[in-house]
Amino acid sequence: MIQRIQTLYLIVVILLGAVVPFFVNLWSDAKGNEIFAENEVFVSIAFYAVAVLGLAGIVLFKNRQNQFVVNRLNMILNLFLLGFFVYRSLNLSGETIVSEKGIGMLIPVFSIVFLVLANRAIKKDEDLVKSVDRLR
């Protein structure tokens, strides 16, 4: 389980979903208050769901097809979260004095990249198993 590279990718996704959003600000409002994931209920629930789906992907290491599907669902959730952040950033005023977009808005992008890498590794493992089954 741990020796497979997709497990390491999924651990990074779990860390990006469960730890990083609560230490990195997502945006600053017009009053200068930094908004973290814990200030927004929907955002914090979505980040925890990303972490739980990442953990489910690790637990499903024996069934690669289900692991692949769970990672795809996690990518879709990250795309919804990214869409929310894009919508939110377009609604923030563009003046740098009034509001500021935080680096935390890029967390779903990094999560999607690591999920794609994990799915590639899962696909490679599945192809290896299928090629060995042909030799029998």
Protein backbone atom coordinates (compact mmCIF):
# COMPACT_ATOMS: atom_id res chain seq x y z
CA MET A 1 0.00 0.00 0.00
CA ILE A 2 2.57 2.62 1.06
CA GLN A 3 5.20 1.38 -1.37
CA ARG A 4 3.05 2.40 -4.33
CA ILE A 5 3.60 5.89 -5.70
CA GLN A 6 -0.12 6.64 -5.98
CA THR A 7 -0.39 6.32 -2.22
CA LEU A 8 2.15 9.09 -1.80
CA TYR A 9 0.24 11.25 -4.27
CA LEU A 10 -2.97 10.63 -2.34
CA ILE A 11 -1.25 11.51 0.95
CA VAL A 12 -0.29 14.85 -0.61
CA VAL A 13 -3.95 15.34 -1.64
CA ILE A 14 -5.06 14.59 1.92
CA LEU A 15 -2.59 17.13 3.30
CA LEU A 16 -3.71 19.70 0.73
CA GLY A 17 -7.35 19.11 1.66
CA ALA A 18 -7.19 18.76 5.42
CA VAL A 19 -4.26 20.88 6.60
CA VAL A 20 -3.18 23.57 4.15
CA PRO A 21 -6.49 25.47 3.68
CA PHE A 22 -6.65 26.24 7.37
CA PHE A 23 -3.19 27.86 7.42
CA VAL A 24 -3.21 29.65 4.05
CA ASN A 25 -5.65 32.45 3.43
CA LEU A 26 -8.11 32.06 0.58
CA TRP A 27 -8.83 35.75 0.06
CA SER A 28 -9.05 39.03 1.92
CA ASP A 29 -12.26 41.00 2.10
CA ALA A 30 -12.74 44.74 1.66
CA LYS A 31 -12.08 45.38 5.36
CA GLY A 32 -8.70 43.64 5.19
CA ASN A 33 -9.80 40.53 7.07
CA GLU A 34 -8.14 37.38 5.82
CA ILE A 35 -10.63 34.63 5.03
CA PHE A 36 -9.50 31.08 5.78
CA ALA A 37 -11.37 27.85 5.05
CA GLU A 38 -12.67 27.70 8.61
CA ASN A 39 -14.52 30.99 8.10
CA GLU A 40 -16.60 29.55 5.24
CA VAL A 41 -18.66 26.46 6.11
CA PHE A 42 -19.13 25.26 2.51
CA VAL A 43 -15.43 25.59 1.73
CA SER A 44 -14.31 23.76 4.87
CA ILE A 45 -16.79 20.92 4.24
CA ALA A 46 -15.58 20.64 0.65
CA PHE A 47 -11.92 20.53 1.72
CA TYR A 48 -12.68 17.86 4.32
CA ALA A 49 -14.59 15.87 1.69
CA VAL A 50 -11.52 16.05 -0.57
CA ALA A 51 -9.40 14.69 2.28
CA VAL A 52 -11.90 11.91 3.07
CA LEU A 53 -12.08 10.86 -0.59
CA GLY A 54 -8.28 10.83 -0.70
CA LEU A 55 -8.23 8.58 2.35
CA ALA A 56 -10.85 6.33 0.74
CA GLY A 57 -8.60 6.13 -2.32
CA ILE A 58 -5.73 4.92 -0.15
CA VAL A 59 -7.90 2.37 1.67
CA LEU A 60 -9.14 0.92 -1.66
CA PHE A 61 -5.63 -0.13 -2.69
CA LYS A 62 -6.72 -3.74 -3.30
CA ASN A 63 -9.42 -2.77 -5.79
CA ARG A 64 -7.74 -0.52 -8.35
CA GLN A 65 -10.89 0.12 -10.37
CA ASN A 66 -12.76 1.49 -7.35
CA GLN A 67 -9.68 3.49 -6.38
CA PHE A 68 -9.66 5.00 -9.87
CA VAL A 69 -13.37 5.90 -9.62
CA VAL A 70 -12.98 7.49 -6.17
CA ASN A 71 -10.10 9.59 -7.48
CA ARG A 72 -12.26 10.72 -10.40
CA LEU A 73 -15.02 11.75 -7.96
CA ASN A 74 -12.39 13.63 -5.97
CA MET A 75 -11.32 15.45 -9.14
CA ILE A 76 -14.93 16.45 -9.83
CA LEU A 77 -15.28 17.78 -6.27
CA ASN A 78 -12.05 19.75 -6.71
CA LEU A 79 -13.37 21.17 -9.99
CA PHE A 80 -16.55 22.35 -8.22
CA LEU A 81 -14.40 23.90 -5.49
CA LEU A 82 -12.22 25.57 -8.11
CA GLY A 83 -15.31 26.87 -9.88
CA PHE A 84 -16.56 28.34 -6.60
CA PHE A 85 -13.21 30.05 -6.08
CA VAL A 86 -13.22 31.46 -9.61
CA TYR A 87 -16.76 32.75 -9.08
CA ARG A 88 -15.74 34.22 -5.74
CA SER A 89 -12.61 35.85 -7.14
CA LEU A 90 -14.59 37.42 -9.99
CA ASN A 91 -16.97 38.91 -7.44
CA LEU A 92 -14.15 40.40 -5.38
CA SER A 93 -13.25 43.89 -6.42
CA GLY A 94 -10.18 44.14 -8.59
CA GLU A 95 -8.47 46.90 -6.69
CA THR A 96 -5.39 45.72 -4.84
CA ILE A 97 -5.98 48.23 -2.06
CA VAL A 98 -9.47 46.91 -1.31
CA SER A 99 -9.21 43.14 -1.70
CA GLU A 100 -6.64 40.49 -2.38
CA LYS A 101 -6.92 37.00 -3.75
CA GLY A 102 -5.02 34.51 -1.62
CA ILE A 103 -2.78 31.66 -2.65
CA GLY A 104 -5.21 29.23 -1.04
CA MET A 105 -7.44 29.47 -4.11
CA LEU A 106 -4.88 27.36 -5.98
CA ILE A 107 -5.17 24.37 -3.64
CA PRO A 108 -7.79 22.59 -5.82
CA VAL A 109 -5.49 22.95 -8.84
CA PHE A 110 -2.63 21.26 -6.99
CA SER A 111 -5.00 18.56 -5.75
CA ILE A 112 -6.22 17.86 -9.28
CA VAL A 113 -2.63 17.56 -10.52
CA PHE A 114 -1.76 15.02 -7.83
CA LEU A 115 -4.99 13.10 -8.44
CA VAL A 116 -4.18 12.87 -12.15
CA LEU A 117 -0.71 11.57 -11.29
CA ALA A 118 -2.24 9.02 -8.92
CA ASN A 119 -4.70 7.85 -11.58
CA ARG A 120 -1.87 7.46 -14.09
CA ALA A 121 0.02 5.28 -11.61
CA ILE A 122 -3.13 3.23 -10.91
CA LYS A 123 -3.66 2.75 -14.64
CA LYS A 124 -0.05 1.67 -15.04
CA ASP A 125 -0.46 -0.90 -12.23
CA GLU A 126 -3.68 -2.19 -13.80
CA ASP A 127 -1.99 -2.55 -17.20
CA LEU A 128 0.91 -4.41 -15.58
CA VAL A 129 -1.46 -6.85 -13.86
CA LYS A 130 -3.36 -7.43 -17.11
CA SER A 131 -0.14 -8.10 -19.03
CA VAL A 132 0.99 -10.63 -16.43
CA ASP A 133 -2.41 -12.36 -16.57
CA ARG A 134 -1.99 -12.81 -20.33
CA LEU A 135 1.25 -14.71 -19.83
CA ARG A 136 -0.37 -17.41 -17.67
